[in-house]
Structures are given as structure tokens and as C-alpha cells.
Amino acid sequence: MYAEVILHYIFLRSSFLSQAIKPLIFSKGRFLRFRCMCAWKLLYDVLYDAYGPVVGWEKRYHFWYERALLFDTFPIRTSMCPLPFDPENKIAQKAFANYLSIPTTKTIANLNSGLLLEDVCSTLTFYVAKPAFGGMSSGLLCVIDGLVADTGNPPDFTSKRKEALEYISRFGSSKQDFWLVEELCRDEIGCNPMRDFKFFVHSGDILAVQIMSDVQNCSSRSWPPYTYISATVDENFDLMEPWNTEENPFVRELVRNPASLTQKPACWREMVQFAKQLGTYLNIFCRVDFFATTDGAMFCELETLMNYRMISKEAAIKIKYSW
């Protein structure tokens, strides 16, 4: 039985195959670290598939993963990702959504280097520029009337590219300096920054929707870089117990009173439909983000890498029992 489990996880998990040749070029010490990480990854995957995202194990796995600097593509996946492209690539994500006829914001340019940003954006006045492999708003530029939305200053492309590259080098040294320039969308209720609706789906089932609103940027030298108000609703837009916790440094306020809940989007049913469509197609547990714009629901991004360190106990139980 144990042999079958080991063979299953080694030969059916692409992450192991993609790393198989690395020991051939590692020193003896690094090879030992690699074997220890493979053993830990195997144990984690067995426990994960058997019991779901048990928060304690997730914390321990992340602790060791973040210190395993020899990995470039070793994923922290909720399940084996079926996508034929790097699921962190936002340019490929948009193409995938378009393939499924899910609306996305209009693309102005896809760039293979951040060095081209200034040339492309110099004639634009309303746009969003973001790194294809960025995260946590690193390198994000939202420009209105030629000025950065949150500071009122002209865009500084050099510093934004540096910020994005620092994030990319920390979380994935093999990632490319690709950038995406998009047409600026407007939230249907006029708020800026826009509200972000994060659908947690398992196959075609929506487990919860996390709403990020009233995002406030902090000092560029502080952590976290921004904070927001977090609300958790179901697919009927009824308030649920928060999936975030008070320990999450990004969360400024948890919405527990229905009177404090943001306005239900006019395109809510569209977002629910598109989230279920993506979840059914992928047939894994993932997070699908949408904006509620003046033109209806717009796909934002797809997340197949999960971090459970700051979710509530109730959320962990619900995800566990969705398996």
C-alpha cells in the first residue's frame, strides 16, 4: 500500500517530475536538502488529500518551503493544477478566461520587459499596469488623468519595476519580467480602488466569497503594504462568518453586521455563473477574482496557490469537508 502511494505521488505529480533532474547538478548538501523537502512534500500531500487543508500542517509546510531556496517551481498547490501554462501568469490567465468567453478588461499591451513600460504608457492617461507574475499589489500602477491614483504623482516606472522584481525574486526566481497594461475599469458604485470579489470554488461549488473593499495603501516601507475591509458572503450574497482572522495584518476590519456590508453588485449573478464555470472546468479547489464594473462582471485573476495561515477555523473546516 505504501509503495503504491509513493509511486502515485512521484509519477503523477508534475511537480516531482519537473524537479527530478535537479539533484544531478546540486552539491551533496543541497541534494540532501532536496530529498528532505521531497519527503516533506510527499507527507504533506498525503495528509492534504486525506484531510483537506489542516491549518497546522499548512503552517509547518510553508515554514520549510519558504526556507528551501533551491526550488524555483515547487508548488504549494491545493490540487494538481490542470492548466497547460504557468498558473501565476496573469497574461495567460486572461487568455484562458477569454477562451471560456468570460469577460476581461481590454488589454492595451503585453510587454516582455518592464523596461518598455515608459515608452508604452507615456501617451496614455487612463490605464492599469501590473507585472504578470506579481502579487500583493507589488508594482501595480493605477493611473487616472496621467497621475497615480493613490498618490496624485506622475508614475515612477523605475521604482515600480524594482518593487515588482523584488517580489518576483523572493517568490519565484525563474519568473519573467513580463508586464500587462490594461484599460482602466470603474467600479459600478464609483469607489476607488475597486472592490475585489474573491470566489473560493471547489469544482462547481462556491464555498465562500471574500470581498475586499476600501483598500488603503500604507507607506512603501511598511508592512503590510495595504489594508482593507473584509466581508465574507455566500453565493446568495448573505453574510457569513468571516474567513479571515483578526491576526491577518492586511485586514483593517472584519464585517460582521449586515448593515455594514457593501452594496450587492448588479452583476452578481454573472460573477457567480462565471466562477462556477471556471471551477467546473478546472475541477480543483481554487480562487477566482472578479471586479464589478460599469460594464458588468470582469475577470481579474485566478489563484491556484493557497495560503491558509490566516484563515479562520470555520473556513478550514468548510474547505476540508468539501473534499
C-alpha atoms as a PDB file:
ATOM      1  CA  MET A   1       0.000   0.000   0.000  1.00  0.00           C
ATOM      2  CA  TYR A   2       2.756   2.450   0.949  1.00  0.00           C
ATOM      3  CA  ALA A   3       4.625   1.659  -2.258  1.00  0.00           C
ATOM      4  CA  GLU A   4       1.516   2.461  -4.286  1.00  0.00           C
ATOM      5  CA  VAL A   5       1.078   5.782  -2.505  1.00  0.00           C
ATOM      6  CA  ILE A   6       4.704   6.750  -3.094  1.00  0.00           C
ATOM      7  CA  LEU A   7       4.595   5.774  -6.779  1.00  0.00           C
ATOM      8  CA  HIS A   8       1.332   7.636  -7.243  1.00  0.00           C
ATOM      9  CA  TYR A   9       2.677  10.888  -5.854  1.00  0.00           C
ATOM     10  CA  ILE A  10       6.053  10.691  -7.538  1.00  0.00           C
ATOM     11  CA  PHE A  11       4.880   9.809 -11.042  1.00  0.00           C
ATOM     12  CA  LEU A  12       1.511  11.546 -11.221  1.00  0.00           C
ATOM     13  CA  ARG A  13       2.537  14.840  -9.639  1.00  0.00           C
ATOM     14  CA  SER A  14       4.193  17.005 -12.257  1.00  0.00           C
ATOM     15  CA  SER A  15       5.989  18.998  -9.565  1.00  0.00           C
ATOM     16  CA  PHE A  16       8.145  15.974  -8.741  1.00  0.00           C
ATOM     17  CA  LEU A  17       8.912  15.257 -12.398  1.00  0.00           C
ATOM     18  CA  SER A  18       9.872  18.868 -13.034  1.00  0.00           C
ATOM     19  CA  GLN A  19      12.400  18.649 -10.190  1.00  0.00           C
ATOM     20  CA  ALA A  20      13.711  15.168 -10.949  1.00  0.00           C
ATOM     21  CA  ILE A  21      16.915  16.232 -12.715  1.00  0.00           C
ATOM     22  CA  LYS A  22      17.881  18.940 -10.221  1.00  0.00           C
ATOM     23  CA  PRO A  23      19.823  16.613  -7.893  1.00  0.00           C
ATOM     24  CA  LEU A  24      22.188  15.858 -10.780  1.00  0.00           C
ATOM     25  CA  ILE A  25      23.564  19.404 -10.614  1.00  0.00           C
ATOM     26  CA  PHE A  26      23.350  20.004  -6.867  1.00  0.00           C
ATOM     27  CA  SER A  27      26.134  19.661  -4.364  1.00  0.00           C
ATOM     28  CA  LYS A  28      25.869  16.805  -1.871  1.00  0.00           C
ATOM     29  CA  GLY A  29      24.482  19.112   0.829  1.00  0.00           C
ATOM     30  CA  ARG A  30      21.865  20.620  -1.426  1.00  0.00           C
ATOM     31  CA  PHE A  31      20.915  17.171  -2.705  1.00  0.00           C
ATOM     32  CA  LEU A  32      20.235  16.133   0.907  1.00  0.00           C
ATOM     33  CA  ARG A  33      18.066  19.204   1.409  1.00  0.00           C
ATOM     34  CA  PHE A  34      16.228  18.383  -1.796  1.00  0.00           C
ATOM     35  CA  ARG A  35      15.488  14.812  -0.650  1.00  0.00           C
ATOM     36  CA  CYS A  36      14.270  16.082   2.724  1.00  0.00           C
ATOM     37  CA  MET A  37      11.960  18.551   1.009  1.00  0.00           C
ATOM     38  CA  CYS A  38      10.620  15.840  -1.316  1.00  0.00           C
ATOM     39  CA  ALA A  39       9.854  13.645   1.701  1.00  0.00           C
ATOM     40  CA  TRP A  40       8.135  16.554   3.459  1.00  0.00           C
ATOM     41  CA  LYS A  41       6.165  17.431   0.304  1.00  0.00           C
ATOM     42  CA  LEU A  42       5.051  13.820  -0.068  1.00  0.00           C
ATOM     43  CA  LEU A  43       3.875  13.659   3.551  1.00  0.00           C
ATOM     44  CA  TYR A  44       2.100  16.993   3.205  1.00  0.00           C
ATOM     45  CA  ASP A  45       0.290  15.916   0.023  1.00  0.00           C
ATOM     46  CA  VAL A  46      -0.863  12.641   1.579  1.00  0.00           C
ATOM     47  CA  LEU A  47      -2.248  14.464   4.615  1.00  0.00           C
ATOM     48  CA  TYR A  48      -3.744  17.203   2.479  1.00  0.00           C
ATOM     49  CA  ASP A  49      -5.631  14.839   0.183  1.00  0.00           C
ATOM     50  CA  ALA A  50      -6.809  12.776   3.147  1.00  0.00           C
ATOM     51  CA  TYR A  51      -7.881  15.572   5.495  1.00  0.00           C
ATOM     52  CA  GLY A  52      -8.019  18.778   3.496  1.00  0.00           C
ATOM     53  CA  PRO A  53      -6.178  21.997   4.434  1.00  0.00           C
ATOM     54  CA  VAL A  54      -5.496  21.385   8.114  1.00  0.00           C
ATOM     55  CA  VAL A  55      -4.109  24.740   9.196  1.00  0.00           C
ATOM     56  CA  GLY A  56      -1.391  23.346  11.449  1.00  0.00           C
ATOM     57  CA  TRP A  57       0.154  21.310   8.657  1.00  0.00           C
ATOM     58  CA  GLU A  58      -0.137  24.218   6.246  1.00  0.00           C
ATOM     59  CA  LYS A  59       1.860  26.424   8.620  1.00  0.00           C
ATOM     60  CA  ARG A  60       4.609  23.849   9.002  1.00  0.00           C
ATOM     61  CA  TYR A  61       4.804  23.213   5.284  1.00  0.00           C
ATOM     62  CA  HIS A  62       5.070  26.944   4.480  1.00  0.00           C
ATOM     63  CA  PHE A  63       7.744  27.352   7.166  1.00  0.00           C
ATOM     64  CA  TRP A  64      10.003  24.835   5.462  1.00  0.00           C
ATOM     65  CA  TYR A  65       9.025  25.765   1.926  1.00  0.00           C
ATOM     66  CA  GLU A  66       9.977  29.405   2.392  1.00  0.00           C
ATOM     67  CA  ARG A  67      13.423  28.312   3.520  1.00  0.00           C
ATOM     68  CA  ALA A  68      14.005  25.869   0.661  1.00  0.00           C
ATOM     69  CA  LEU A  69      15.733  28.342  -1.620  1.00  0.00           C
ATOM     70  CA  LEU A  70      16.771  25.700  -4.141  1.00  0.00           C
ATOM     71  CA  PHE A  71      13.233  25.400  -5.566  1.00  0.00           C
ATOM     72  CA  ASP A  72      12.041  27.514  -8.470  1.00  0.00           C
ATOM     73  CA  THR A  73       8.777  25.830  -9.389  1.00  0.00           C
ATOM     74  CA  PHE A  74       7.973  23.677  -6.364  1.00  0.00           C
ATOM     75  CA  PRO A  75       4.265  24.474  -5.951  1.00  0.00           C
ATOM     76  CA  ILE A  76       2.078  24.836  -2.896  1.00  0.00           C
ATOM     77  CA  ARG A  77      -0.956  23.584  -4.746  1.00  0.00           C
ATOM     78  CA  THR A  78      -4.404  22.821  -3.466  1.00  0.00           C
ATOM     79  CA  SER A  79      -4.506  20.052  -6.050  1.00  0.00           C
ATOM     80  CA  MET A  80      -2.660  19.057  -9.189  1.00  0.00           C
ATOM     81  CA  CYS A  81      -3.168  22.052 -11.487  1.00  0.00           C
ATOM     82  CA  PRO A  82      -4.571  21.044 -14.898  1.00  0.00           C
ATOM     83  CA  LEU A  83      -3.626  24.270 -16.686  1.00  0.00           C
ATOM     84  CA  PRO A  84      -1.126  23.917 -19.566  1.00  0.00           C
ATOM     85  CA  PHE A  85       0.563  27.226 -18.634  1.00  0.00           C
ATOM     86  CA  ASP A  86       2.126  28.688 -15.502  1.00  0.00           C
ATOM     87  CA  PRO A  87      -0.989  29.455 -13.419  1.00  0.00           C
ATOM     88  CA  GLU A  88       0.683  32.522 -11.900  1.00  0.00           C
ATOM     89  CA  ASN A  89       0.991  34.212 -15.297  1.00  0.00           C
ATOM     90  CA  LYS A  90      -1.736  36.881 -15.435  1.00  0.00           C
ATOM     91  CA  ILE A  91      -1.359  37.317 -19.201  1.00  0.00           C
ATOM     92  CA  ALA A  92      -2.037  33.611 -19.744  1.00  0.00           C
ATOM     93  CA  GLN A  93      -4.885  33.747 -17.212  1.00  0.00           C
ATOM     94  CA  LYS A  94      -6.653  36.427 -19.243  1.00  0.00           C
ATOM     95  CA  ALA A  95      -6.239  34.426 -22.444  1.00  0.00           C
ATOM     96  CA  PHE A  96      -7.681  31.404 -20.649  1.00  0.00           C
ATOM     97  CA  ALA A  97     -10.703  33.402 -19.433  1.00  0.00           C
ATOM     98  CA  ASN A  98     -11.264  34.759 -22.947  1.00  0.00           C
ATOM     99  CA  TYR A  99     -11.131  31.203 -24.283  1.00  0.00           C
ATOM    100  CA  LEU A 100     -14.034  30.369 -21.941  1.00  0.00           C
ATOM    101  CA  SER A 101     -15.898  33.525 -23.104  1.00  0.00           C
ATOM    102  CA  ILE A 102     -15.548  35.179 -19.695  1.00  0.00           C
ATOM    103  CA  PRO A 103     -15.258  38.990 -19.957  1.00  0.00           C
ATOM    104  CA  THR A 104     -11.886  40.553 -19.147  1.00  0.00           C
ATOM    105  CA  THR A 105     -10.615  44.107 -19.174  1.00  0.00           C
ATOM    106  CA  LYS A 106      -9.340  45.396 -22.506  1.00  0.00           C
ATOM    107  CA  THR A 107      -5.614  44.755 -22.981  1.00  0.00           C
ATOM    108  CA  ILE A 108      -3.587  47.696 -24.251  1.00  0.00           C
ATOM    109  CA  ALA A 109      -0.224  45.896 -24.380  1.00  0.00           C
ATOM    110  CA  ASN A 110       1.586  42.758 -23.217  1.00  0.00           C
ATOM    111  CA  LEU A 111       5.253  43.529 -22.577  1.00  0.00           C
ATOM    112  CA  ASN A 112       8.163  41.103 -22.284  1.00  0.00           C
ATOM    113  CA  SER A 113      10.164  43.583 -20.201  1.00  0.00           C
ATOM    114  CA  GLY A 114       9.375  46.271 -17.655  1.00  0.00           C
ATOM    115  CA  LEU A 115      11.909  48.471 -19.428  1.00  0.00           C
ATOM    116  CA  LEU A 116       9.264  49.094 -22.111  1.00  0.00           C
ATOM    117  CA  LEU A 117       6.698  50.468 -19.658  1.00  0.00           C
ATOM    118  CA  GLU A 118       7.572  54.140 -20.006  1.00  0.00           C
ATOM    119  CA  ASP A 119       7.593  54.036 -23.822  1.00  0.00           C
ATOM    120  CA  VAL A 120       4.199  52.319 -23.981  1.00  0.00           C
ATOM    121  CA  CYS A 121       2.481  54.321 -21.221  1.00  0.00           C
ATOM    122  CA  SER A 122       3.851  57.780 -21.976  1.00  0.00           C
ATOM    123  CA  THR A 123       0.897  58.638 -24.250  1.00  0.00           C
ATOM    124  CA  LEU A 124      -1.771  57.050 -22.016  1.00  0.00           C
ATOM    125  CA  THR A 125      -3.795  58.851 -19.345  1.00  0.00           C
ATOM    126  CA  PHE A 126      -6.154  56.144 -18.007  1.00  0.00           C
ATOM    127  CA  TYR A 127      -4.658  52.687 -17.520  1.00  0.00           C
ATOM    128  CA  VAL A 128      -3.518  49.947 -15.147  1.00  0.00           C
ATOM    129  CA  ALA A 129      -0.034  48.426 -15.440  1.00  0.00           C
ATOM    130  CA  LYS A 130       0.910  45.311 -13.466  1.00  0.00           C
ATOM    131  CA  PRO A 131       3.591  42.615 -13.572  1.00  0.00           C
ATOM    132  CA  ALA A 132       2.380  39.311 -14.991  1.00  0.00           C
ATOM    133  CA  PHE A 133       3.955  37.417 -12.078  1.00  0.00           C
ATOM    134  CA  GLY A 134       3.373  39.992  -9.349  1.00  0.00           C
ATOM    135  CA  GLY A 135       1.377  39.678  -6.168  1.00  0.00           C
ATOM    136  CA  MET A 136       0.146  41.694  -3.166  1.00  0.00           C
ATOM    137  CA  SER A 137      -0.102  44.764  -5.455  1.00  0.00           C
ATOM    138  CA  SER A 138       3.671  44.778  -5.984  1.00  0.00           C
ATOM    139  CA  GLY A 139       4.477  47.021  -8.939  1.00  0.00           C
ATOM    140  CA  LEU A 140       0.806  47.839  -9.560  1.00  0.00           C
ATOM    141  CA  LEU A 141       0.199  51.196 -11.247  1.00  0.00           C
ATOM    142  CA  CYS A 142      -3.314  52.645 -11.456  1.00  0.00           C
ATOM    143  CA  VAL A 143      -3.198  55.892 -13.430  1.00  0.00           C
ATOM    144  CA  ILE A 144      -6.054  58.403 -13.740  1.00  0.00           C
ATOM    145  CA  ASP A 145      -5.612  61.590 -15.806  1.00  0.00           C
ATOM    146  CA  GLY A 146      -1.900  60.830 -16.042  1.00  0.00           C
ATOM    147  CA  LEU A 147      -1.388  60.656 -12.263  1.00  0.00           C
ATOM    148  CA  VAL A 148      -1.074  57.684  -9.911  1.00  0.00           C
ATOM    149  CA  ALA A 149      -4.454  57.205  -8.238  1.00  0.00           C
ATOM    150  CA  ASP A 150      -3.297  56.785  -4.628  1.00  0.00           C
ATOM    151  CA  THR A 151      -0.540  59.442  -4.563  1.00  0.00           C
ATOM    152  CA  GLY A 152      -1.507  62.043  -7.166  1.00  0.00           C
ATOM    153  CA  ASN A 153       2.058  61.990  -8.514  1.00  0.00           C
ATOM    154  CA  PRO A 154       3.299  61.170 -12.030  1.00  0.00           C
ATOM    155  CA  PRO A 155       4.074  57.440 -12.419  1.00  0.00           C
ATOM    156  CA  ASP A 156       7.578  56.341 -11.463  1.00  0.00           C
ATOM    157  CA  PHE A 157       8.111  53.324 -13.703  1.00  0.00           C
ATOM    158  CA  THR A 158      11.625  52.590 -12.459  1.00  0.00           C
ATOM    159  CA  SER A 159      10.647  52.257  -8.802  1.00  0.00           C
ATOM    160  CA  LYS A 160       7.533  50.214  -9.642  1.00  0.00           C
ATOM    161  CA  ARG A 161       9.561  47.811 -11.754  1.00  0.00           C
ATOM    162  CA  LYS A 162      12.128  47.494  -8.957  1.00  0.00           C
ATOM    163  CA  GLU A 163       9.315  46.766  -6.467  1.00  0.00           C
ATOM    164  CA  ALA A 164       7.881  44.081  -8.751  1.00  0.00           C
ATOM    165  CA  LEU A 165      11.261  42.469  -9.387  1.00  0.00           C
ATOM    166  CA  GLU A 166      11.930  42.259  -5.641  1.00  0.00           C
ATOM    167  CA  TYR A 167       8.658  40.389  -5.177  1.00  0.00           C
ATOM    168  CA  ILE A 168       9.346  38.104  -8.153  1.00  0.00           C
ATOM    169  CA  SER A 169      12.875  37.270  -6.975  1.00  0.00           C
ATOM    170  CA  ARG A 170      11.600  36.447  -3.496  1.00  0.00           C
ATOM    171  CA  PHE A 171       8.718  34.200  -4.508  1.00  0.00           C
ATOM    172  CA  GLY A 172       9.913  32.708  -7.795  1.00  0.00           C
ATOM    173  CA  SER A 173      13.377  33.345  -9.200  1.00  0.00           C
ATOM    174  CA  SER A 174      12.540  31.677 -12.524  1.00  0.00           C
ATOM    175  CA  LYS A 175       9.702  34.118 -13.289  1.00  0.00           C
ATOM    176  CA  GLN A 176       9.977  36.591 -16.137  1.00  0.00           C
ATOM    177  CA  ASP A 177       9.782  40.386 -16.132  1.00  0.00           C
ATOM    178  CA  PHE A 178       6.536  40.383 -18.138  1.00  0.00           C
ATOM    179  CA  TRP A 179       4.011  43.215 -17.801  1.00  0.00           C
ATOM    180  CA  LEU A 180       0.378  43.735 -18.650  1.00  0.00           C
ATOM    181  CA  VAL A 181      -1.100  47.151 -19.492  1.00  0.00           C
ATOM    182  CA  GLU A 182      -4.896  47.299 -19.361  1.00  0.00           C
ATOM    183  CA  GLU A 183      -7.687  49.778 -19.857  1.00  0.00           C
ATOM    184  CA  LEU A 184      -8.806  51.280 -16.535  1.00  0.00           C
ATOM    185  CA  CYS A 185     -12.172  49.970 -15.312  1.00  0.00           C
ATOM    186  CA  ARG A 186     -14.588  51.745 -12.992  1.00  0.00           C
ATOM    187  CA  ASP A 187     -16.391  50.138 -10.096  1.00  0.00           C
ATOM    188  CA  GLU A 188     -20.143  50.221 -10.690  1.00  0.00           C
ATOM    189  CA  ILE A 189     -20.681  52.181  -7.447  1.00  0.00           C
ATOM    190  CA  GLY A 190     -17.833  54.585  -8.220  1.00  0.00           C
ATOM    191  CA  CYS A 191     -15.464  53.596  -5.383  1.00  0.00           C
ATOM    192  CA  ASN A 192     -11.715  53.787  -5.908  1.00  0.00           C
ATOM    193  CA  PRO A 193      -9.858  51.482  -5.503  1.00  0.00           C
ATOM    194  CA  MET A 194     -12.336  48.994  -6.887  1.00  0.00           C
ATOM    195  CA  ARG A 195     -13.903  46.286  -4.765  1.00  0.00           C
ATOM    196  CA  ASP A 196     -12.388  42.839  -5.290  1.00  0.00           C
ATOM    197  CA  PHE A 197     -14.707  39.802  -5.134  1.00  0.00           C
ATOM    198  CA  LYS A 198     -12.753  36.597  -4.420  1.00  0.00           C
ATOM    199  CA  PHE A 199     -14.713  33.407  -5.110  1.00  0.00           C
ATOM    200  CA  PHE A 200     -13.428  30.262  -3.384  1.00  0.00           C
ATOM    201  CA  VAL A 201     -14.661  27.396  -5.514  1.00  0.00           C
ATOM    202  CA  HIS A 202     -14.266  23.646  -5.352  1.00  0.00           C
ATOM    203  CA  SER A 203     -15.118  22.271  -8.778  1.00  0.00           C
ATOM    204  CA  GLY A 204     -18.518  23.890  -9.473  1.00  0.00           C
ATOM    205  CA  ASP A 205     -19.376  24.710  -5.860  1.00  0.00           C
ATOM    206  CA  ILE A 206     -18.862  28.168  -4.355  1.00  0.00           C
ATOM    207  CA  LEU A 207     -17.731  27.744  -0.747  1.00  0.00           C
ATOM    208  CA  ALA A 208     -17.500  31.438   0.052  1.00  0.00           C
ATOM    209  CA  VAL A 209     -16.861  34.850  -1.469  1.00  0.00           C
ATOM    210  CA  GLN A 210     -14.415  37.203   0.201  1.00  0.00           C
ATOM    211  CA  ILE A 211     -14.987  40.889  -0.550  1.00  0.00           C
ATOM    212  CA  MET A 212     -12.083  43.320  -0.312  1.00  0.00           C
ATOM    213  CA  SER A 213     -13.248  46.930  -0.070  1.00  0.00           C
ATOM    214  CA  ASP A 214     -11.912  50.327   0.971  1.00  0.00           C
ATOM    215  CA  VAL A 215      -8.305  49.356   0.236  1.00  0.00           C
ATOM    216  CA  GLN A 216      -5.857  51.830   1.773  1.00  0.00           C
ATOM    217  CA  ASN A 217      -2.206  51.859   0.802  1.00  0.00           C
ATOM    218  CA  CYS A 218       0.349  52.151   3.583  1.00  0.00           C
ATOM    219  CA  SER A 219       3.841  53.569   3.460  1.00  0.00           C
ATOM    220  CA  SER A 220       6.021  51.915   0.830  1.00  0.00           C
ATOM    221  CA  ARG A 221       8.452  50.951   3.602  1.00  0.00           C
ATOM    222  CA  SER A 222       5.865  49.472   5.942  1.00  0.00           C
ATOM    223  CA  TRP A 223       4.291  46.064   6.233  1.00  0.00           C
ATOM    224  CA  PRO A 224       1.652  45.268   5.179  1.00  0.00           C
ATOM    225  CA  PRO A 225       1.743  47.464   2.055  1.00  0.00           C
ATOM    226  CA  TYR A 226      -2.044  47.955   2.225  1.00  0.00           C
ATOM    227  CA  THR A 227      -5.059  47.178   4.411  1.00  0.00           C
ATOM    228  CA  TYR A 228      -8.710  46.591   3.596  1.00  0.00           C
ATOM    229  CA  ILE A 229     -12.165  45.855   4.959  1.00  0.00           C
ATOM    230  CA  SER A 230     -13.045  42.166   4.600  1.00  0.00           C
ATOM    231  CA  ALA A 231     -16.508  40.633   4.343  1.00  0.00           C
ATOM    232  CA  THR A 232     -17.422  37.014   3.600  1.00  0.00           C
ATOM    233  CA  VAL A 233     -20.686  36.130   1.835  1.00  0.00           C
ATOM    234  CA  ASP A 234     -22.238  33.090   0.198  1.00  0.00           C
ATOM    235  CA  GLU A 235     -23.384  32.849  -3.416  1.00  0.00           C
ATOM    236  CA  ASN A 236     -26.701  34.490  -2.451  1.00  0.00           C
ATOM    237  CA  PHE A 237     -24.796  37.477  -1.022  1.00  0.00           C
ATOM    238  CA  ASP A 238     -25.805  36.607   2.530  1.00  0.00           C
ATOM    239  CA  LEU A 239     -23.200  37.455   5.170  1.00  0.00           C
ATOM    240  CA  MET A 240     -21.206  34.511   6.559  1.00  0.00           C
ATOM    241  CA  GLU A 241     -18.764  34.101   9.415  1.00  0.00           C
ATOM    242  CA  PRO A 242     -15.503  35.796   8.316  1.00  0.00           C
ATOM    243  CA  TRP A 243     -12.978  33.606   6.531  1.00  0.00           C
ATOM    244  CA  ASN A 244     -10.222  35.988   7.597  1.00  0.00           C
ATOM    245  CA  THR A 245      -8.945  36.248  11.150  1.00  0.00           C
ATOM    246  CA  GLU A 246      -8.038  39.177  13.365  1.00  0.00           C
ATOM    247  CA  GLU A 247      -4.381  38.090  13.057  1.00  0.00           C
ATOM    248  CA  ASN A 248      -4.302  38.889   9.336  1.00  0.00           C
ATOM    249  CA  PRO A 249      -2.253  42.131   9.159  1.00  0.00           C
ATOM    250  CA  PHE A 250      -3.897  43.115   5.861  1.00  0.00           C
ATOM    251  CA  VAL A 251      -7.397  43.192   7.355  1.00  0.00           C
ATOM    252  CA  ARG A 252      -8.326  46.508   8.932  1.00  0.00           C
ATOM    253  CA  GLU A 253     -11.895  45.496   9.758  1.00  0.00           C
ATOM    254  CA  LEU A 254     -13.981  42.303   9.616  1.00  0.00           C
ATOM    255  CA  VAL A 255     -17.608  42.854   8.610  1.00  0.00           C
ATOM    256  CA  ARG A 256     -19.950  41.005  10.975  1.00  0.00           C
ATOM    257  CA  ASN A 257     -23.027  43.235  10.701  1.00  0.00           C
ATOM    258  CA  PRO A 258     -25.172  43.012   7.523  1.00  0.00           C
ATOM    259  CA  ALA A 259     -25.757  46.772   7.758  1.00  0.00           C
ATOM    260  CA  SER A 260     -22.003  47.311   7.155  1.00  0.00           C
ATOM    261  CA  LEU A 261     -21.880  45.036   4.105  1.00  0.00           C
ATOM    262  CA  THR A 262     -21.035  46.730   0.806  1.00  0.00           C
ATOM    263  CA  GLN A 263     -23.729  47.110  -1.833  1.00  0.00           C
ATOM    264  CA  LYS A 264     -24.594  43.965  -3.788  1.00  0.00           C
ATOM    265  CA  PRO A 265     -23.288  44.307  -7.367  1.00  0.00           C
ATOM    266  CA  ALA A 266     -25.830  44.487 -10.177  1.00  0.00           C
ATOM    267  CA  CYS A 267     -23.698  41.885 -11.989  1.00  0.00           C
ATOM    268  CA  TRP A 268     -23.619  39.494  -9.012  1.00  0.00           C
ATOM    269  CA  ARG A 269     -25.342  36.610 -10.826  1.00  0.00           C
ATOM    270  CA  GLU A 270     -22.860  36.987 -13.697  1.00  0.00           C
ATOM    271  CA  MET A 271     -19.906  36.671 -11.317  1.00  0.00           C
ATOM    272  CA  VAL A 272     -21.440  33.613  -9.650  1.00  0.00           C
ATOM    273  CA  GLN A 273     -22.034  31.995 -13.039  1.00  0.00           C
ATOM    274  CA  PHE A 274     -18.508  32.701 -14.298  1.00  0.00           C
ATOM    275  CA  ALA A 275     -16.904  31.494 -11.040  1.00  0.00           C
ATOM    276  CA  LYS A 276     -18.827  28.201 -11.245  1.00  0.00           C
ATOM    277  CA  GLN A 277     -17.912  27.865 -14.917  1.00  0.00           C
ATOM    278  CA  LEU A 278     -14.192  28.251 -14.196  1.00  0.00           C
ATOM    279  CA  GLY A 279     -14.355  25.964 -11.161  1.00  0.00           C
ATOM    280  CA  THR A 280     -16.177  23.244 -13.087  1.00  0.00           C
ATOM    281  CA  TYR A 281     -13.701  23.451 -15.971  1.00  0.00           C
ATOM    282  CA  LEU A 282     -10.650  23.199 -13.686  1.00  0.00           C
ATOM    283  CA  ASN A 283     -12.240  20.672 -11.287  1.00  0.00           C
ATOM    284  CA  ILE A 284      -9.956  21.713  -8.412  1.00  0.00           C
ATOM    285  CA  PHE A 285     -10.142  23.987  -5.386  1.00  0.00           C
ATOM    286  CA  CYS A 286      -9.101  27.483  -6.443  1.00  0.00           C
ATOM    287  CA  ARG A 287      -9.870  31.176  -6.032  1.00  0.00           C
ATOM    288  CA  VAL A 288     -11.343  33.246  -8.855  1.00  0.00           C
ATOM    289  CA  ASP A 289     -11.387  37.045  -8.552  1.00  0.00           C
ATOM    290  CA  PHE A 290     -13.798  39.437 -10.267  1.00  0.00           C
ATOM    291  CA  PHE A 291     -14.485  43.161 -10.434  1.00  0.00           C
ATOM    292  CA  ALA A 292     -17.989  44.647 -10.571  1.00  0.00           C
ATOM    293  CA  THR A 293     -17.540  47.301 -13.273  1.00  0.00           C
ATOM    294  CA  THR A 294     -19.819  49.709 -15.090  1.00  0.00           C
ATOM    295  CA  ASP A 295     -19.623  47.210 -17.989  1.00  0.00           C
ATOM    296  CA  GLY A 296     -20.584  44.226 -15.840  1.00  0.00           C
ATOM    297  CA  ALA A 297     -18.535  41.425 -14.281  1.00  0.00           C
ATOM    298  CA  MET A 298     -14.859  41.384 -15.275  1.00  0.00           C
ATOM    299  CA  PHE A 299     -12.375  38.582 -14.625  1.00  0.00           C
ATOM    300  CA  CYS A 300      -9.426  39.754 -12.525  1.00  0.00           C
ATOM    301  CA  GLU A 301      -7.225  36.753 -11.739  1.00  0.00           C
ATOM    302  CA  LEU A 302      -7.120  33.058 -10.921  1.00  0.00           C
ATOM    303  CA  GLU A 303      -5.268  31.688  -7.891  1.00  0.00           C
ATOM    304  CA  THR A 304      -4.332  28.023  -7.551  1.00  0.00           C
ATOM    305  CA  LEU A 305      -1.654  28.632  -4.897  1.00  0.00           C
ATOM    306  CA  MET A 306      -3.208  28.941  -1.468  1.00  0.00           C
ATOM    307  CA  ASN A 307      -2.047  30.253   1.878  1.00  0.00           C
ATOM    308  CA  TYR A 308      -4.098  29.071   4.839  1.00  0.00           C
ATOM    309  CA  ARG A 309      -2.053  30.662   7.589  1.00  0.00           C
ATOM    310  CA  MET A 310      -4.578  33.397   8.259  1.00  0.00           C
ATOM    311  CA  ILE A 311      -7.958  31.834   7.597  1.00  0.00           C
ATOM    312  CA  SER A 312     -10.482  31.111  10.308  1.00  0.00           C
ATOM    313  CA  LYS A 313     -11.125  27.703  11.810  1.00  0.00           C
ATOM    314  CA  GLU A 314     -14.626  27.695  10.282  1.00  0.00           C
ATOM    315  CA  ALA A 315     -13.162  28.292   6.817  1.00  0.00           C
ATOM    316  CA  ALA A 316     -10.628  25.469   7.219  1.00  0.00           C
ATOM    317  CA  ILE A 317     -13.408  23.069   8.263  1.00  0.00           C
ATOM    318  CA  LYS A 318     -15.613  24.052   5.330  1.00  0.00           C
ATOM    319  CA  ILE A 319     -12.800  23.544   2.836  1.00  0.00           C
ATOM    320  CA  LYS A 320     -11.858  20.234   4.454  1.00  0.00           C
ATOM    321  CA  TYR A 321     -15.380  18.838   4.188  1.00  0.00           C
ATOM    322  CA  SER A 322     -15.821  19.996   0.587  1.00  0.00           C
ATOM    323  CA  TRP A 323     -13.370  17.276  -0.481  1.00  0.00           C
END
